[in-house]
Amino acid sequence: MAVPDFQSWLLPLLKRLADGEIHHMSQLYDDLACDLALTDQDKNERLPSGSQFTYMNRIAWARTYLKKAGLVSSPGRSQVEITQRGRDVLAEQLERISVAYLKRFPEFADFHTAKPSSQGNSGTEQQASSDDETPQESLERVYDELQEELAAEVLDRVKQVSPAFFEKLVVDVLVAMGYGGSREGAGKTVGRSGDGGIDGVINEDRLGLDVVYIQAKRWEGTVGRPVVQAFAGSLEGVRANKGVLITTSGFSSDADVYVRQISKKIVLIDGKQLAKFMIQYNVGVSVEARYEVKRVDSDYFDPA
């Protein structure tokens, strides 16, 4: 099963607090995961950023939403207890608590400001999507969408450059990733015509203790096993054990299987991965805006 959206945790969390006692969030995470029958796989699922377990993030936001609506309070650090308003809500014997339900409380309505929706019939779908997501999830989803769009645009531009520029681009990416020591040193070795399918050589580390052989081509179609196998043969010809094969297209499943079976270490980088590396290491892209997501420093307000 999938981890339930954060609205699905609102009522179970409030019910867990029905005894009127002060509960610690660390215990509630375990109790609620049991209540909603999460599997080990569900509990190990993380947000796209990898910063937090998904179910814990959604439970934490469920607490925040209930608190903003006045149904629970936080008497201490990582603590939560039900309020009289929360008891009144439980007395209604609801089957589900949703964002729409919480909007009846003025404090929550002020907190949960309406988001602008696009024109046409997508507005309702967008609002439903935003209600199902926590603010952090919405932020990460939009960020991922922007990254995917940028990667597609970067790859399209890469496919249009000249072969010489593509070789330079590959060097820039590898140097940005820490290979070759410097752009000047890497440029002396990469880009020269080599033997049997080897386009260049670059130092694996700054001291040049080991080298990596490279083949970088702007293929249009899928790169299959024969091309990869030929590259492996080229490595054998120079007694090399490590190689990187870069393409602007993609690799077949046979090619992927082949590199996992042979003793030589060959890394396959397709066009999508190349674009992601360019974005990650700021090659051919620039920062347009930067947003920091901050949280309360509990240690500052509750020193030991």
C-alpha atoms as a PDB file:
ATOM      1  CA  MET A   1       0.000   0.000   0.000  1.00  0.00           C
ATOM      2  CA  ALA A   2       1.039   3.644  -0.386  1.00  0.00           C
ATOM      3  CA  VAL A   3       1.572   6.005   2.533  1.00  0.00           C
ATOM      4  CA  PRO A   4      -1.794   7.770   3.117  1.00  0.00           C
ATOM      5  CA  ASP A   5      -1.967  11.486   2.309  1.00  0.00           C
ATOM      6  CA  PHE A   6      -1.653  13.799   5.284  1.00  0.00           C
ATOM      7  CA  GLN A   7      -5.413  14.450   5.526  1.00  0.00           C
ATOM      8  CA  SER A   8      -5.890  10.754   6.274  1.00  0.00           C
ATOM      9  CA  TRP A   9      -3.841  11.189   9.464  1.00  0.00           C
ATOM     10  CA  LEU A  10      -5.936  14.042  10.902  1.00  0.00           C
ATOM     11  CA  LEU A  11      -8.722  11.994  12.492  1.00  0.00           C
ATOM     12  CA  PRO A  12      -6.519   9.064  13.631  1.00  0.00           C
ATOM     13  CA  LEU A  13      -4.156  11.526  15.314  1.00  0.00           C
ATOM     14  CA  LEU A  14      -7.011  13.305  17.093  1.00  0.00           C
ATOM     15  CA  LYS A  15      -8.432   9.961  18.244  1.00  0.00           C
ATOM     16  CA  ARG A  16      -5.043   8.995  19.690  1.00  0.00           C
ATOM     17  CA  LEU A  17      -5.265  12.104  21.870  1.00  0.00           C
ATOM     18  CA  ALA A  18      -8.809  11.399  23.069  1.00  0.00           C
ATOM     19  CA  ASP A  19      -7.553  10.252  26.488  1.00  0.00           C
ATOM     20  CA  GLY A  20      -6.636  13.850  27.336  1.00  0.00           C
ATOM     21  CA  GLU A  21      -3.061  12.918  28.200  1.00  0.00           C
ATOM     22  CA  ILE A  22       0.059  14.666  26.870  1.00  0.00           C
ATOM     23  CA  HIS A  23       1.584  12.557  24.100  1.00  0.00           C
ATOM     24  CA  HIS A  24       5.077  12.658  22.626  1.00  0.00           C
ATOM     25  CA  MET A  25       5.329  12.753  18.845  1.00  0.00           C
ATOM     26  CA  SER A  26       8.015  10.051  18.802  1.00  0.00           C
ATOM     27  CA  GLN A  27       5.517   7.556  20.222  1.00  0.00           C
ATOM     28  CA  LEU A  28       2.642   8.814  18.096  1.00  0.00           C
ATOM     29  CA  TYR A  29       4.611   8.122  14.927  1.00  0.00           C
ATOM     30  CA  ASP A  30       4.825   4.444  15.891  1.00  0.00           C
ATOM     31  CA  ASP A  31       1.252   4.210  17.170  1.00  0.00           C
ATOM     32  CA  LEU A  32      -0.289   5.838  14.099  1.00  0.00           C
ATOM     33  CA  ALA A  33       1.817   3.766  11.721  1.00  0.00           C
ATOM     34  CA  CYS A  34       0.347   0.726  13.439  1.00  0.00           C
ATOM     35  CA  ASP A  35      -3.205   2.150  13.351  1.00  0.00           C
ATOM     36  CA  LEU A  36      -3.029   2.651   9.588  1.00  0.00           C
ATOM     37  CA  ALA A  37      -1.259  -0.685   9.027  1.00  0.00           C
ATOM     38  CA  LEU A  38       1.853   0.699   7.369  1.00  0.00           C
ATOM     39  CA  THR A  39       4.286  -1.894   6.073  1.00  0.00           C
ATOM     40  CA  ASP A  40       8.045  -1.710   6.598  1.00  0.00           C
ATOM     41  CA  GLN A  41       8.321  -0.552   2.994  1.00  0.00           C
ATOM     42  CA  ASP A  42       5.810   2.235   3.672  1.00  0.00           C
ATOM     43  CA  LYS A  43       7.720   3.366   6.766  1.00  0.00           C
ATOM     44  CA  ASN A  44      10.997   3.469   4.848  1.00  0.00           C
ATOM     45  CA  GLU A  45       9.590   5.702   2.101  1.00  0.00           C
ATOM     46  CA  ARG A  46      11.186   9.153   2.101  1.00  0.00           C
ATOM     47  CA  LEU A  47      10.288  12.517   0.636  1.00  0.00           C
ATOM     48  CA  PRO A  48      11.866  13.229  -2.779  1.00  0.00           C
ATOM     49  CA  SER A  49      14.592  15.252  -1.065  1.00  0.00           C
ATOM     50  CA  GLY A  50      15.406  12.288   1.189  1.00  0.00           C
ATOM     51  CA  SER A  51      15.293  14.604   4.204  1.00  0.00           C
ATOM     52  CA  GLN A  52      12.549  12.815   6.136  1.00  0.00           C
ATOM     53  CA  PHE A  53      10.371   9.721   6.233  1.00  0.00           C
ATOM     54  CA  THR A  54       7.154  10.458   4.351  1.00  0.00           C
ATOM     55  CA  TYR A  55       4.733   9.149   6.981  1.00  0.00           C
ATOM     56  CA  MET A  56       6.447  11.106   9.775  1.00  0.00           C
ATOM     57  CA  ASN A  57       6.346  14.277   7.701  1.00  0.00           C
ATOM     58  CA  ARG A  58       2.623  13.832   7.042  1.00  0.00           C
ATOM     59  CA  ILE A  59       1.836  13.101  10.692  1.00  0.00           C
ATOM     60  CA  ALA A  60       3.808  16.187  11.742  1.00  0.00           C
ATOM     61  CA  TRP A  61       1.872  18.344   9.291  1.00  0.00           C
ATOM     62  CA  ALA A  62      -1.392  16.773  10.479  1.00  0.00           C
ATOM     63  CA  ARG A  63      -0.496  17.946  13.990  1.00  0.00           C
ATOM     64  CA  THR A  64       0.279  21.425  12.641  1.00  0.00           C
ATOM     65  CA  TYR A  65      -3.075  21.637  10.852  1.00  0.00           C
ATOM     66  CA  LEU A  66      -4.989  20.426  13.914  1.00  0.00           C
ATOM     67  CA  LYS A  67      -3.115  22.932  16.042  1.00  0.00           C
ATOM     68  CA  LYS A  68      -3.896  25.794  13.649  1.00  0.00           C
ATOM     69  CA  ALA A  69      -7.571  24.822  13.856  1.00  0.00           C
ATOM     70  CA  GLY A  70      -7.425  24.858  17.660  1.00  0.00           C
ATOM     71  CA  LEU A  71      -8.141  21.130  18.033  1.00  0.00           C
ATOM     72  CA  VAL A  72      -4.821  20.336  19.720  1.00  0.00           C
ATOM     73  CA  SER A  73      -2.117  22.250  21.569  1.00  0.00           C
ATOM     74  CA  SER A  74       1.611  21.776  22.148  1.00  0.00           C
ATOM     75  CA  PRO A  75       2.362  22.069  25.878  1.00  0.00           C
ATOM     76  CA  GLY A  76       6.044  21.265  25.399  1.00  0.00           C
ATOM     77  CA  ARG A  77       8.738  20.332  22.937  1.00  0.00           C
ATOM     78  CA  SER A  78       7.503  17.546  20.609  1.00  0.00           C
ATOM     79  CA  GLN A  79       4.404  17.183  22.771  1.00  0.00           C
ATOM     80  CA  VAL A  80       0.737  17.390  21.824  1.00  0.00           C
ATOM     81  CA  GLU A  81      -2.598  17.149  23.648  1.00  0.00           C
ATOM     82  CA  ILE A  82      -6.230  17.535  22.679  1.00  0.00           C
ATOM     83  CA  THR A  83      -8.188  20.721  23.413  1.00  0.00           C
ATOM     84  CA  GLN A  84     -11.847  21.125  24.311  1.00  0.00           C
ATOM     85  CA  ARG A  85     -12.563  22.027  20.699  1.00  0.00           C
ATOM     86  CA  GLY A  86     -10.860  18.799  19.667  1.00  0.00           C
ATOM     87  CA  ARG A  87     -13.095  16.832  22.058  1.00  0.00           C
ATOM     88  CA  ASP A  88     -16.138  18.537  20.592  1.00  0.00           C
ATOM     89  CA  VAL A  89     -15.053  17.513  17.097  1.00  0.00           C
ATOM     90  CA  LEU A  90     -14.583  13.886  18.172  1.00  0.00           C
ATOM     91  CA  ALA A  91     -18.065  13.960  19.668  1.00  0.00           C
ATOM     92  CA  GLU A  92     -19.425  14.534  16.149  1.00  0.00           C
ATOM     93  CA  GLN A  93     -18.406  10.956  15.290  1.00  0.00           C
ATOM     94  CA  LEU A  94     -16.885  12.002  11.966  1.00  0.00           C
ATOM     95  CA  GLU A  95     -15.675   9.422   9.481  1.00  0.00           C
ATOM     96  CA  ARG A  96     -12.925  11.739   8.236  1.00  0.00           C
ATOM     97  CA  ILE A  97     -11.414  15.134   8.955  1.00  0.00           C
ATOM     98  CA  SER A  98     -10.293  17.070   5.897  1.00  0.00           C
ATOM     99  CA  VAL A  99      -8.841  20.468   5.116  1.00  0.00           C
ATOM    100  CA  ALA A 100     -12.286  21.526   3.913  1.00  0.00           C
ATOM    101  CA  TYR A 101     -13.729  20.610   7.311  1.00  0.00           C
ATOM    102  CA  LEU A 102     -11.017  22.520   9.214  1.00  0.00           C
ATOM    103  CA  LYS A 103     -11.774  25.685   7.244  1.00  0.00           C
ATOM    104  CA  ARG A 104     -14.881  26.192   9.399  1.00  0.00           C
ATOM    105  CA  PHE A 105     -12.560  27.389  12.134  1.00  0.00           C
ATOM    106  CA  PRO A 106     -11.530  31.040  11.559  1.00  0.00           C
ATOM    107  CA  GLU A 107      -7.987  30.540  12.860  1.00  0.00           C
ATOM    108  CA  PHE A 108      -7.392  27.772  10.363  1.00  0.00           C
ATOM    109  CA  ALA A 109      -9.034  29.660   7.492  1.00  0.00           C
ATOM    110  CA  ASP A 110      -6.609  32.547   8.101  1.00  0.00           C
ATOM    111  CA  PHE A 111      -3.692  30.127   8.133  1.00  0.00           C
ATOM    112  CA  HIS A 112      -4.721  28.146   5.075  1.00  0.00           C
ATOM    113  CA  THR A 113      -4.960  30.963   2.544  1.00  0.00           C
ATOM    114  CA  ALA A 114      -6.448  30.080  -0.838  1.00  0.00           C
ATOM    115  CA  LYS A 115      -3.926  29.379  -3.570  1.00  0.00           C
ATOM    116  CA  PRO A 116      -4.458  30.815  -7.071  1.00  0.00           C
ATOM    117  CA  SER A 117      -5.630  28.199  -9.535  1.00  0.00           C
ATOM    118  CA  SER A 118      -5.173  28.028 -13.269  1.00  0.00           C
ATOM    119  CA  GLN A 119      -7.976  28.817 -15.676  1.00  0.00           C
ATOM    120  CA  GLY A 120     -10.383  26.195 -16.905  1.00  0.00           C
ATOM    121  CA  ASN A 121     -11.437  22.960 -15.273  1.00  0.00           C
ATOM    122  CA  SER A 122      -7.971  22.256 -13.838  1.00  0.00           C
ATOM    123  CA  GLY A 123      -8.589  24.606 -10.912  1.00  0.00           C
ATOM    124  CA  THR A 124     -10.553  22.051  -8.875  1.00  0.00           C
ATOM    125  CA  GLU A 125      -7.968  19.367  -9.556  1.00  0.00           C
ATOM    126  CA  GLN A 126      -5.154  21.675  -8.510  1.00  0.00           C
ATOM    127  CA  GLN A 127      -6.903  22.597  -5.263  1.00  0.00           C
ATOM    128  CA  ALA A 128      -7.574  18.920  -4.514  1.00  0.00           C
ATOM    129  CA  SER A 129      -3.941  18.126  -5.140  1.00  0.00           C
ATOM    130  CA  SER A 130      -2.757  20.918  -2.832  1.00  0.00           C
ATOM    131  CA  ASP A 131      -5.133  19.750  -0.094  1.00  0.00           C
ATOM    132  CA  ASP A 132      -3.757  16.215  -0.318  1.00  0.00           C
ATOM    133  CA  GLU A 133      -0.159  17.424  -0.043  1.00  0.00           C
ATOM    134  CA  THR A 134       1.646  19.004   2.848  1.00  0.00           C
ATOM    135  CA  PRO A 135       3.220  22.389   2.047  1.00  0.00           C
ATOM    136  CA  GLN A 136       6.647  20.758   2.041  1.00  0.00           C
ATOM    137  CA  GLU A 137       5.476  18.089  -0.393  1.00  0.00           C
ATOM    138  CA  SER A 138       3.973  20.737  -2.672  1.00  0.00           C
ATOM    139  CA  LEU A 139       7.232  22.656  -2.639  1.00  0.00           C
ATOM    140  CA  GLU A 140       9.280  19.571  -3.444  1.00  0.00           C
ATOM    141  CA  ARG A 141       6.882  18.486  -6.189  1.00  0.00           C
ATOM    142  CA  VAL A 142       7.034  21.854  -7.914  1.00  0.00           C
ATOM    143  CA  TYR A 143      10.813  21.883  -7.516  1.00  0.00           C
ATOM    144  CA  ASP A 144      11.056  18.443  -9.134  1.00  0.00           C
ATOM    145  CA  GLU A 145       8.832  19.588 -12.008  1.00  0.00           C
ATOM    146  CA  LEU A 146      11.067  22.615 -12.590  1.00  0.00           C
ATOM    147  CA  GLN A 147      14.149  20.375 -12.514  1.00  0.00           C
ATOM    148  CA  GLU A 148      12.631  17.994 -15.059  1.00  0.00           C
ATOM    149  CA  GLU A 149      11.728  20.850 -17.386  1.00  0.00           C
ATOM    150  CA  LEU A 150      15.208  22.337 -17.042  1.00  0.00           C
ATOM    151  CA  ALA A 151      16.858  18.952 -17.693  1.00  0.00           C
ATOM    152  CA  ALA A 152      14.821  18.498 -20.873  1.00  0.00           C
ATOM    153  CA  GLU A 153      15.808  21.969 -22.083  1.00  0.00           C
ATOM    154  CA  VAL A 154      19.475  21.392 -21.247  1.00  0.00           C
ATOM    155  CA  LEU A 155      19.527  18.078 -23.100  1.00  0.00           C
ATOM    156  CA  ASP A 156      17.880  19.669 -26.133  1.00  0.00           C
ATOM    157  CA  ARG A 157      20.613  22.317 -26.226  1.00  0.00           C
ATOM    158  CA  VAL A 158      23.340  19.694 -25.820  1.00  0.00           C
ATOM    159  CA  LYS A 159      22.030  17.798 -28.847  1.00  0.00           C
ATOM    160  CA  GLN A 160      22.395  20.947 -30.957  1.00  0.00           C
ATOM    161  CA  VAL A 161      26.039  21.788 -30.157  1.00  0.00           C
ATOM    162  CA  SER A 162      28.973  20.871 -32.382  1.00  0.00           C
ATOM    163  CA  PRO A 163      31.031  17.703 -31.738  1.00  0.00           C
ATOM    164  CA  ALA A 164      33.975  19.833 -30.565  1.00  0.00           C
ATOM    165  CA  PHE A 165      31.790  21.738 -28.119  1.00  0.00           C
ATOM    166  CA  PHE A 166      30.302  18.486 -26.878  1.00  0.00           C
ATOM    167  CA  GLU A 167      33.791  17.186 -26.053  1.00  0.00           C
ATOM    168  CA  LYS A 168      34.479  20.402 -24.137  1.00  0.00           C
ATOM    169  CA  LEU A 169      31.153  20.065 -22.336  1.00  0.00           C
ATOM    170  CA  VAL A 170      32.003  16.530 -21.233  1.00  0.00           C
ATOM    171  CA  VAL A 171      35.339  17.736 -19.868  1.00  0.00           C
ATOM    172  CA  ASP A 172      33.651  20.584 -17.993  1.00  0.00           C
ATOM    173  CA  VAL A 173      31.193  18.179 -16.350  1.00  0.00           C
ATOM    174  CA  LEU A 174      33.886  15.695 -15.314  1.00  0.00           C
ATOM    175  CA  VAL A 175      36.129  18.425 -13.924  1.00  0.00           C
ATOM    176  CA  ALA A 176      33.174  19.903 -12.011  1.00  0.00           C
ATOM    177  CA  MET A 177      32.599  16.435 -10.541  1.00  0.00           C
ATOM    178  CA  GLY A 178      36.189  16.375  -9.281  1.00  0.00           C
ATOM    179  CA  TYR A 179      37.982  14.477 -12.041  1.00  0.00           C
ATOM    180  CA  GLY A 180      41.025  15.673 -13.951  1.00  0.00           C
ATOM    181  CA  GLY A 181      42.362  18.015 -11.286  1.00  0.00           C
ATOM    182  CA  SER A 182      41.832  21.183 -13.335  1.00  0.00           C
ATOM    183  CA  ARG A 183      40.217  22.296 -16.574  1.00  0.00           C
ATOM    184  CA  GLU A 184      43.658  23.008 -18.078  1.00  0.00           C
ATOM    185  CA  GLY A 185      45.103  19.632 -17.116  1.00  0.00           C
ATOM    186  CA  ALA A 186      42.015  17.719 -18.241  1.00  0.00           C
ATOM    187  CA  GLY A 187      41.930  19.545 -21.552  1.00  0.00           C
ATOM    188  CA  LYS A 188      45.351  18.224 -22.437  1.00  0.00           C
ATOM    189  CA  THR A 189      44.234  14.634 -22.275  1.00  0.00           C
ATOM    190  CA  VAL A 190      40.568  14.582 -23.218  1.00  0.00           C
ATOM    191  CA  GLY A 191      39.411  15.210 -26.734  1.00  0.00           C
ATOM    192  CA  ARG A 192      42.344  13.704 -28.577  1.00  0.00           C
ATOM    193  CA  SER A 193      41.809  10.945 -31.067  1.00  0.00           C
ATOM    194  CA  GLY A 194      42.508   7.636 -29.400  1.00  0.00           C
ATOM    195  CA  ASP A 195      42.667   3.977 -30.307  1.00  0.00           C
ATOM    196  CA  GLY A 196      39.557   2.027 -31.267  1.00  0.00           C
ATOM    197  CA  GLY A 197      36.715   4.025 -29.800  1.00  0.00           C
ATOM    198  CA  ILE A 198      38.531   5.839 -26.998  1.00  0.00           C
ATOM    199  CA  ASP A 199      37.944   9.577 -27.259  1.00  0.00           C
ATOM    200  CA  GLY A 200      40.036  10.632 -24.313  1.00  0.00           C
ATOM    201  CA  VAL A 201      41.601   9.965 -20.946  1.00  0.00           C
ATOM    202  CA  ILE A 202      41.130  11.902 -17.730  1.00  0.00           C
ATOM    203  CA  ASN A 203      42.670  11.525 -14.291  1.00  0.00           C
ATOM    204  CA  GLU A 204      40.416   9.849 -11.765  1.00  0.00           C
ATOM    205  CA  ASP A 205      41.913  11.950  -8.977  1.00  0.00           C
ATOM    206  CA  ARG A 206      43.864  15.163  -8.671  1.00  0.00           C
ATOM    207  CA  LEU A 207      47.192  13.337  -8.257  1.00  0.00           C
ATOM    208  CA  GLY A 208      46.702  11.253 -11.375  1.00  0.00           C
ATOM    209  CA  LEU A 209      47.106   7.961  -9.507  1.00  0.00           C
ATOM    210  CA  ASP A 210      44.581   6.335 -11.835  1.00  0.00           C
ATOM    211  CA  VAL A 211      42.949   7.235 -15.116  1.00  0.00           C
ATOM    212  CA  VAL A 212      39.517   6.822 -16.679  1.00  0.00           C
ATOM    213  CA  TYR A 213      39.029   6.301 -20.409  1.00  0.00           C
ATOM    214  CA  ILE A 214      36.150   8.080 -22.066  1.00  0.00           C
ATOM    215  CA  GLN A 215      33.967   7.714 -25.099  1.00  0.00           C
ATOM    216  CA  ALA A 216      31.499  10.539 -25.658  1.00  0.00           C
ATOM    217  CA  LYS A 217      29.184  10.522 -28.675  1.00  0.00           C
ATOM    218  CA  ARG A 218      26.044  12.364 -29.671  1.00  0.00           C
ATOM    219  CA  TRP A 219      24.068   9.322 -30.733  1.00  0.00           C
ATOM    220  CA  GLU A 220      20.484   9.757 -31.886  1.00  0.00           C
ATOM    221  CA  GLY A 221      19.224   6.189 -31.465  1.00  0.00           C
ATOM    222  CA  THR A 222      19.478   3.828 -28.531  1.00  0.00           C
ATOM    223  CA  VAL A 223      23.016   2.653 -27.829  1.00  0.00           C
ATOM    224  CA  GLY A 224      23.074  -1.137 -27.716  1.00  0.00           C
ATOM    225  CA  ARG A 225      25.381  -3.791 -26.389  1.00  0.00           C
ATOM    226  CA  PRO A 226      27.648  -3.953 -29.495  1.00  0.00           C
ATOM    227  CA  VAL A 227      28.801  -0.346 -28.958  1.00  0.00           C
ATOM    228  CA  VAL A 228      29.434  -0.926 -25.269  1.00  0.00           C
ATOM    229  CA  GLN A 229      31.180  -4.203 -25.975  1.00  0.00           C
ATOM    230  CA  ALA A 230      33.430  -2.499 -28.522  1.00  0.00           C
ATOM    231  CA  PHE A 231      34.330   0.131 -25.931  1.00  0.00           C
ATOM    232  CA  ALA A 232      35.197  -2.592 -23.434  1.00  0.00           C
ATOM    233  CA  GLY A 233      37.440  -4.127 -26.077  1.00  0.00           C
ATOM    234  CA  SER A 234      39.154  -0.772 -26.544  1.00  0.00           C
ATOM    235  CA  LEU A 235      39.880  -0.663 -22.813  1.00  0.00           C
ATOM    236  CA  GLU A 236      41.435  -4.106 -23.062  1.00  0.00           C
ATOM    237  CA  GLY A 237      43.699  -2.800 -25.816  1.00  0.00           C
ATOM    238  CA  VAL A 238      45.209  -0.179 -23.492  1.00  0.00           C
ATOM    239  CA  ARG A 239      45.146  -2.414 -20.391  1.00  0.00           C
ATOM    240  CA  ALA A 240      42.590  -0.166 -18.706  1.00  0.00           C
ATOM    241  CA  ASN A 241      39.981  -1.238 -16.175  1.00  0.00           C
ATOM    242  CA  LYS A 242      37.803   1.859 -15.943  1.00  0.00           C
ATOM    243  CA  GLY A 243      35.775   3.696 -18.539  1.00  0.00           C
ATOM    244  CA  VAL A 244      32.888   6.114 -18.967  1.00  0.00           C
ATOM    245  CA  LEU A 245      30.590   5.923 -21.975  1.00  0.00           C
ATOM    246  CA  ILE A 246      28.495   9.049 -22.482  1.00  0.00           C
ATOM    247  CA  THR A 247      25.689   9.523 -24.970  1.00  0.00           C
ATOM    248  CA  THR A 248      22.998  12.113 -25.608  1.00  0.00           C
ATOM    249  CA  SER A 249      20.453   9.333 -26.174  1.00  0.00           C
ATOM    250  CA  GLY A 250      19.934   6.209 -24.068  1.00  0.00           C
ATOM    251  CA  PHE A 251      21.226   2.685 -23.550  1.00  0.00           C
ATOM    252  CA  SER A 252      19.423  -0.568 -24.206  1.00  0.00           C
ATOM    253  CA  SER A 253      18.695  -3.027 -21.407  1.00  0.00           C
ATOM    254  CA  ASP A 254      21.222  -5.429 -22.982  1.00  0.00           C
ATOM    255  CA  ALA A 255      23.898  -2.757 -22.645  1.00  0.00           C
ATOM    256  CA  ASP A 256      23.061  -2.239 -18.979  1.00  0.00           C
ATOM    257  CA  VAL A 257      23.170  -5.970 -18.301  1.00  0.00           C
ATOM    258  CA  TYR A 258      26.471  -6.339 -20.121  1.00  0.00           C
ATOM    259  CA  VAL A 259      28.364  -3.734 -18.045  1.00  0.00           C
ATOM    260  CA  ARG A 260      27.170  -5.425 -14.846  1.00  0.00           C
ATOM    261  CA  GLN A 261      28.500  -8.794 -15.985  1.00  0.00           C
ATOM    262  CA  ILE A 262      32.031  -7.903 -17.072  1.00  0.00           C
ATOM    263  CA  SER A 263      34.993  -7.444 -14.752  1.00  0.00           C
ATOM    264  CA  LYS A 264      35.868  -3.982 -16.042  1.00  0.00           C
ATOM    265  CA  LYS A 265      34.185  -1.001 -14.435  1.00  0.00           C
ATOM    266  CA  ILE A 266      32.265   0.856 -17.134  1.00  0.00           C
ATOM    267  CA  VAL A 267      29.823   3.609 -16.212  1.00  0.00           C
ATOM    268  CA  LEU A 268      27.072   4.414 -18.702  1.00  0.00           C
ATOM    269  CA  ILE A 269      25.783   7.994 -18.709  1.00  0.00           C
ATOM    270  CA  ASP A 270      22.760   8.636 -20.913  1.00  0.00           C
ATOM    271  CA  GLY A 271      21.439  12.002 -22.016  1.00  0.00           C
ATOM    272  CA  LYS A 272      19.048  12.438 -19.095  1.00  0.00           C
ATOM    273  CA  GLN A 273      21.748  11.655 -16.540  1.00  0.00           C
ATOM    274  CA  LEU A 274      24.206  13.955 -18.304  1.00  0.00           C
ATOM    275  CA  ALA A 275      21.682  16.804 -18.113  1.00  0.00           C
ATOM    276  CA  LYS A 276      21.122  16.129 -14.395  1.00  0.00           C
ATOM    277  CA  PHE A 277      24.877  16.184 -13.768  1.00  0.00           C
ATOM    278  CA  MET A 278      25.111  19.490 -15.625  1.00  0.00           C
ATOM    279  CA  ILE A 279      22.390  20.950 -13.403  1.00  0.00           C
ATOM    280  CA  GLN A 280      23.833  19.475 -10.205  1.00  0.00           C
ATOM    281  CA  TYR A 281      27.349  20.769 -10.912  1.00  0.00           C
ATOM    282  CA  ASN A 282      26.272  24.064 -12.538  1.00  0.00           C
ATOM    283  CA  VAL A 283      27.609  23.409 -16.029  1.00  0.00           C
ATOM    284  CA  GLY A 284      25.661  25.346 -18.639  1.00  0.00           C
ATOM    285  CA  VAL A 285      23.125  26.569 -16.085  1.00  0.00           C
ATOM    286  CA  SER A 286      22.976  29.453 -13.629  1.00  0.00           C
ATOM    287  CA  VAL A 287      21.036  30.089 -10.437  1.00  0.00           C
ATOM    288  CA  GLU A 288      17.958  32.208 -11.104  1.00  0.00           C
ATOM    289  CA  ALA A 289      16.558  32.214  -7.571  1.00  0.00           C
ATOM    290  CA  ARG A 290      17.269  30.531  -4.271  1.00  0.00           C
ATOM    291  CA  TYR A 291      14.799  29.730  -1.497  1.00  0.00           C
ATOM    292  CA  GLU A 292      15.734  28.505   1.962  1.00  0.00           C
ATOM    293  CA  VAL A 293      13.346  26.333   3.964  1.00  0.00           C
ATOM    294  CA  LYS A 294      13.962  26.838   7.669  1.00  0.00           C
ATOM    295  CA  ARG A 295      12.563  25.286  10.837  1.00  0.00           C
ATOM    296  CA  VAL A 296      12.493  26.290  14.473  1.00  0.00           C
ATOM    297  CA  ASP A 297      15.725  25.517  16.346  1.00  0.00           C
ATOM    298  CA  SER A 298      14.322  23.648  19.339  1.00  0.00           C
ATOM    299  CA  ASP A 299      17.742  23.557  21.037  1.00  0.00           C
ATOM    300  CA  TYR A 300      17.805  27.369  21.093  1.00  0.00           C
ATOM    301  CA  PHE A 301      14.447  27.653  22.848  1.00  0.00           C
ATOM    302  CA  ASP A 302      14.981  24.627  25.102  1.00  0.00           C
ATOM    303  CA  PRO A 303      18.699  24.543  25.989  1.00  0.00           C
ATOM    304  CA  ALA A 304      20.037  21.607  27.953  1.00  0.00           C
END
